[in-house]
Protein backbone atom coordinates (compact mmCIF):
# COMPACT_ATOMS: atom_id res chain seq x y z
CA MET A 1 -125.03 3.56 82.29
CA ALA A 2 -121.80 2.11 83.64
CA ALA A 3 -118.49 3.78 82.85
CA SER A 4 -115.64 1.85 81.27
CA THR A 5 -113.23 0.33 83.76
CA SER A 6 -110.33 1.04 81.40
CA GLN A 7 -108.80 4.46 80.89
CA THR A 8 -110.21 5.62 77.56
CA LYS A 9 -109.52 8.61 75.31
CA THR A 10 -111.96 9.14 72.46
CA ILE A 11 -110.79 11.19 69.45
CA SER A 12 -113.14 12.18 66.65
CA SER A 13 -112.07 11.99 63.00
CA GLU A 14 -111.34 15.71 62.61
CA LYS A 15 -108.98 15.56 65.59
CA PHE A 16 -106.62 12.79 64.50
CA VAL A 17 -104.44 12.08 61.49
CA GLU A 18 -102.79 8.81 60.49
CA SER A 19 -99.29 8.75 59.08
CA CYS A 20 -97.42 5.69 57.74
CA GLY A 21 -93.75 5.12 57.10
CA ALA A 22 -91.09 2.45 56.85
CA ILE A 23 -87.49 1.85 57.80
CA LEU A 24 -85.98 1.12 54.39
CA PHE A 25 -83.05 -1.34 54.39
CA ASP A 26 -80.59 -2.44 51.75
CA LEU A 27 -80.05 -6.12 52.60
CA SER A 28 -77.96 -7.07 49.58
CA ASP A 29 -75.13 -7.80 52.04
CA LEU A 30 -76.27 -9.00 55.47
CA SER A 31 -72.79 -8.36 56.86
CA ASN A 32 -73.11 -4.68 55.94
CA ILE A 33 -76.72 -3.65 56.58
CA LYS A 34 -77.60 -0.20 55.28
CA THR A 35 -80.64 1.93 55.91
CA CYS A 36 -82.04 4.90 54.06
CA LEU A 37 -82.35 8.25 55.79
CA ILE A 38 -83.66 11.45 54.30
CA GLN A 39 -82.27 14.83 55.18
CA HIS A 40 -84.40 17.96 54.96
CA LYS A 41 -82.49 20.45 52.81
CA ASP A 42 -83.57 23.48 54.85
CA SER A 43 -83.35 22.23 58.43
CA GLY A 44 -80.61 19.64 57.96
CA GLU A 45 -82.58 17.16 60.09
CA TRP A 46 -82.14 13.44 59.45
CA HIS A 47 -85.16 11.15 59.71
CA PHE A 48 -87.14 8.34 58.06
CA ALA A 49 -89.66 8.67 55.25
CA LYS A 50 -93.32 8.81 56.24
CA GLY A 51 -96.50 10.67 55.35
CA ARG A 52 -100.25 10.91 55.73
CA ARG A 53 -102.50 8.04 54.74
CA ASN A 54 -104.98 8.79 51.97
CA GLN A 55 -108.69 8.11 52.21
CA GLY A 56 -109.44 4.42 51.60
CA GLU A 57 -105.73 3.53 51.50
CA ALA A 58 -104.39 0.56 53.43
CA ARG A 59 -101.66 1.43 55.92
CA LYS A 60 -99.24 -0.95 54.22
CA ASP A 61 -99.79 0.72 50.87
CA ALA A 62 -99.42 4.17 52.39
CA ALA A 63 -96.07 3.26 53.94
CA VAL A 64 -94.63 1.95 50.67
CA ARG A 65 -96.01 4.89 48.68
CA GLU A 66 -94.60 7.48 51.06
CA VAL A 67 -91.14 5.88 51.09
CA MET A 68 -91.01 5.78 47.30
CA GLU A 69 -92.35 9.33 46.94
CA GLU A 70 -89.93 10.87 49.43
CA THR A 71 -86.78 8.87 48.67
CA GLY A 72 -87.35 7.84 45.06
CA PHE A 73 -86.27 4.28 45.86
CA ARG A 74 -88.57 1.41 44.88
CA CYS A 75 -89.26 -0.91 47.78
CA ARG A 76 -91.58 -3.51 49.25
CA LEU A 77 -92.50 -4.49 52.78
CA LEU A 78 -90.23 -7.14 54.28
CA PRO A 79 -91.89 -10.24 55.84
CA LEU A 80 -90.55 -10.45 59.39
CA THR A 81 -90.41 -12.78 62.34
CA MET A 82 -91.81 -10.61 65.09
CA PRO A 83 -93.99 -10.62 68.22
CA THR A 84 -97.58 -9.52 67.69
CA ARG A 85 -100.93 -9.48 69.45
CA ALA A 86 -102.80 -9.59 66.15
CA THR A 87 -104.71 -12.85 65.92
CA PRO A 88 -104.13 -15.33 63.08
CA VAL A 89 -106.85 -15.50 60.43
CA ASP A 90 -107.82 -19.03 61.45
CA ALA A 91 -107.65 -18.40 65.22
CA HIS A 92 -110.54 -19.28 67.52
CA ALA A 93 -112.73 -16.31 68.46
CA ASP A 94 -111.72 -16.61 72.13
CA VAL A 95 -107.96 -16.84 71.53
CA PHE A 96 -106.04 -15.41 74.49
CA ASP A 97 -104.80 -11.84 74.01
CA LYS A 98 -101.06 -12.31 74.37
CA ALA A 99 -98.09 -11.41 72.18
CA LYS A 100 -96.81 -14.34 70.15
CA VAL A 101 -93.80 -14.54 67.85
CA CYS A 102 -94.95 -15.28 64.30
CA GLU A 103 -93.20 -15.54 60.95
CA ASN A 104 -93.71 -13.82 57.59
CA LEU A 105 -95.53 -10.79 58.97
CA THR A 106 -95.81 -7.47 57.17
CA GLU A 107 -97.54 -5.79 60.10
CA PRO A 108 -96.55 -2.46 61.66
CA PHE A 109 -93.79 -3.07 64.21
CA MET A 110 -94.23 0.23 66.02
CA CYS A 111 -96.92 2.84 66.58
CA GLN A 112 -96.10 6.37 67.72
CA ILE A 113 -98.80 8.67 69.13
CA ARG A 114 -98.09 12.38 69.19
CA THR A 115 -100.06 15.27 70.65
CA LEU A 116 -99.85 18.05 68.06
CA LYS A 117 -99.07 21.62 69.07
CA ASN A 118 -101.64 24.38 69.44
CA GLY A 119 -104.52 21.99 70.00
CA LYS A 120 -104.31 20.56 66.47
CA GLY A 121 -105.15 17.07 67.65
CA THR A 122 -103.36 13.73 67.65
CA LYS A 123 -101.11 12.05 65.10
CA MET A 124 -100.77 8.26 64.94
CA ILE A 125 -97.73 7.02 63.03
CA TRP A 126 -97.59 3.38 61.91
CA TRP A 127 -94.11 2.05 61.14
CA PHE A 128 -93.19 -0.88 58.90
CA VAL A 129 -89.94 -2.44 57.68
CA ALA A 130 -89.22 -2.26 53.95
CA VAL A 131 -86.45 -3.57 51.73
CA LEU A 132 -84.91 -2.04 48.63
CA GLU A 133 -86.04 -3.58 45.35
CA GLY A 134 -83.77 -4.08 42.36
CA ASP A 135 -80.39 -2.40 41.99
CA GLY A 136 -81.13 0.75 43.92
CA ASP A 137 -80.51 3.62 41.50
CA ARG A 138 -81.75 1.61 38.51
CA GLY A 139 -85.31 2.73 37.87
CA LYS A 140 -85.12 5.23 40.73
CA LEU A 141 -88.01 7.67 40.96
CA PRO A 142 -87.41 11.45 41.23
CA GLY A 143 -88.23 11.69 44.94
CA GLU A 144 -89.30 14.90 46.68
CA VAL A 145 -87.12 17.90 45.96
CA LYS A 146 -86.97 19.05 49.58
CA TYR A 147 -85.29 15.83 50.73
CA LEU A 148 -81.89 14.28 50.10
CA PRO A 149 -82.02 10.48 50.49
CA CYS A 150 -78.90 8.59 51.51
CA PHE A 151 -78.10 4.96 52.35
CA LEU A 152 -75.85 4.72 55.40
CA SER A 153 -74.47 1.86 57.40
CA TRP A 154 -76.78 1.12 60.31
CA GLN A 155 -74.07 2.34 62.70
CA GLU A 156 -73.75 5.69 60.98
CA ALA A 157 -77.54 5.98 60.71
CA LEU A 158 -77.90 5.55 64.48
CA GLY A 159 -75.48 8.39 65.01
CA SER A 160 -76.93 10.64 62.32
CA LEU A 161 -80.63 10.57 63.19
CA THR A 162 -81.75 13.86 64.68
CA PHE A 163 -84.39 12.54 67.08
CA GLN A 164 -84.12 9.94 69.83
CA ASN A 165 -87.50 8.43 68.86
CA ASP A 166 -86.10 7.60 65.43
CA ARG A 167 -83.06 5.93 66.94
CA GLU A 168 -85.41 3.75 69.00
CA LEU A 169 -87.28 2.86 65.80
CA LEU A 170 -84.06 1.82 64.08
CA ARG A 171 -82.89 -0.27 67.03
CA LYS A 172 -86.21 -2.11 67.11
CA ALA A 173 -86.16 -2.69 63.36
CA LEU A 174 -82.61 -4.04 63.54
CA SER A 175 -83.58 -6.41 66.35
CA LEU A 176 -86.40 -7.76 64.15
CA LEU A 177 -83.94 -8.31 61.31
CA GLN A 178 -81.85 -10.40 63.70
CA MET A 179 -84.93 -12.44 64.63
CA THR A 180 -85.77 -12.95 60.95
CA PHE A 181 -82.32 -13.75 59.53
CA SER A 182 -80.19 -16.21 61.47
CA ARG A 183 -77.17 -15.28 59.35
CA ILE A 184 -76.98 -11.79 60.87
CA GLU A 185 -74.30 -11.58 63.53
CA PRO A 186 -75.25 -9.98 66.90
CA LEU A 187 -75.34 -6.19 66.51
CA ASP A 188 -73.93 -3.88 69.16
CA MET A 189 -76.41 -1.00 68.90
CA ASP A 190 -74.74 1.43 71.27
CA VAL A 191 -75.35 4.82 69.66
CA GLU A 192 -72.31 6.29 71.42
CA GLN A 193 -70.11 4.25 69.09
CA ALA A 194 -71.66 5.89 66.03
CA LYS A 195 -70.38 9.36 65.28
CA PRO A 196 -73.20 11.71 64.27
CA ARG A 197 -72.84 13.87 61.22
CA THR A 198 -72.25 17.51 62.12
CA GLY A 199 -71.72 20.85 60.44
CA ASN A 200 -73.69 22.49 57.65
CA LYS A 201 -73.04 19.87 54.99
CA ILE A 202 -75.76 17.66 53.62
CA SER A 203 -74.58 14.26 52.43
CA LEU A 204 -75.36 13.00 48.95
CA GLY A 205 -73.26 9.89 49.33
CA GLN A 206 -69.67 8.99 50.03
CA ASN A 207 -68.11 11.34 47.48
CA ALA A 208 -70.43 14.33 47.31
CA THR A 209 -71.79 16.98 49.66
CA ILE A 210 -73.88 20.10 49.21
CA SER A 211 -74.06 23.10 51.50
CA LYS A 212 -77.31 24.20 53.10
CA LYS A 213 -77.18 27.41 51.06
CA ALA A 214 -76.88 25.44 47.83
CA ALA A 215 -79.66 23.11 48.94
CA ARG A 216 -82.00 26.05 49.63
CA ARG A 217 -81.14 27.50 46.22
CA ALA A 218 -81.96 24.15 44.59
CA VAL A 219 -85.34 24.10 46.33
CA LYS A 220 -86.03 27.69 45.24
CA ASP A 221 -85.10 26.86 41.63
CA ALA A 222 -87.31 23.77 41.65
CA LYS A 223 -90.27 25.82 42.91
CA ALA A 224 -89.67 28.40 40.17
CA VAL A 225 -89.69 25.66 37.53
CA LYS A 226 -92.95 24.31 38.95
CA ARG A 227 -94.55 27.77 38.85
CA GLN A 228 -93.51 28.19 35.23
CA ARG A 229 -94.95 24.79 34.32
CA LEU A 230 -98.25 25.56 36.05
CA LYS A 231 -98.42 28.94 34.28
CA LYS A 232 -97.89 27.28 30.90
CA GLU A 233 -100.62 24.75 31.65
CA HIS A 234 -102.94 27.56 32.69
CA ASP A 235 -102.17 29.54 29.52
CA ARG A 236 -102.91 26.49 27.35
CA THR A 237 -106.29 25.85 28.95
CA SER A 238 -107.42 29.48 29.19
């Protein structure tokens, strides 16, 4: 039997996990684009919302669900003008495999592949672009207690993100916004111009901060409340 002429890596189902997330934008003012970051209360790291895909769940649905669960903000995927190698529904079976710029796409714009530590396998992360729905805080969901969500200007977000990979994600997403909306002025995405947030303060917005110690205490209190609730439920059913 002939071997494949292409370099191939085969990963069985127990050795890979799929994660889906989205770069969430507030586009209510295209001259002041804001994006939502979440900060982990314990580590202080800034990143984007994402999480594991459930069984039978579409990647698009997983991305929206994870963003809403982790940030509490209601959102939807944003149709973009973007290059893709995915074939149109009505394309001929032998259509040439080449990237083509298409409109109104809610496809993943980036895929990250990570080798997990200690031989735990491979993680594939599919990234989408989402937009805030409604008036932001109106109808906001609780969000996950271990995260603090915050909308920042795209410049400040570039400087605040902890990991370089996330800055590359944001730059790519911003470039797709420029392709999609002609009204957006050219963006100078030099991260050196954006001052990263430093120190042991976790931002809750423009007028409020919380220390890491207070954040850890809030997480501890929330866990205690959950344990009490579970105990009450157990007592009722026993």
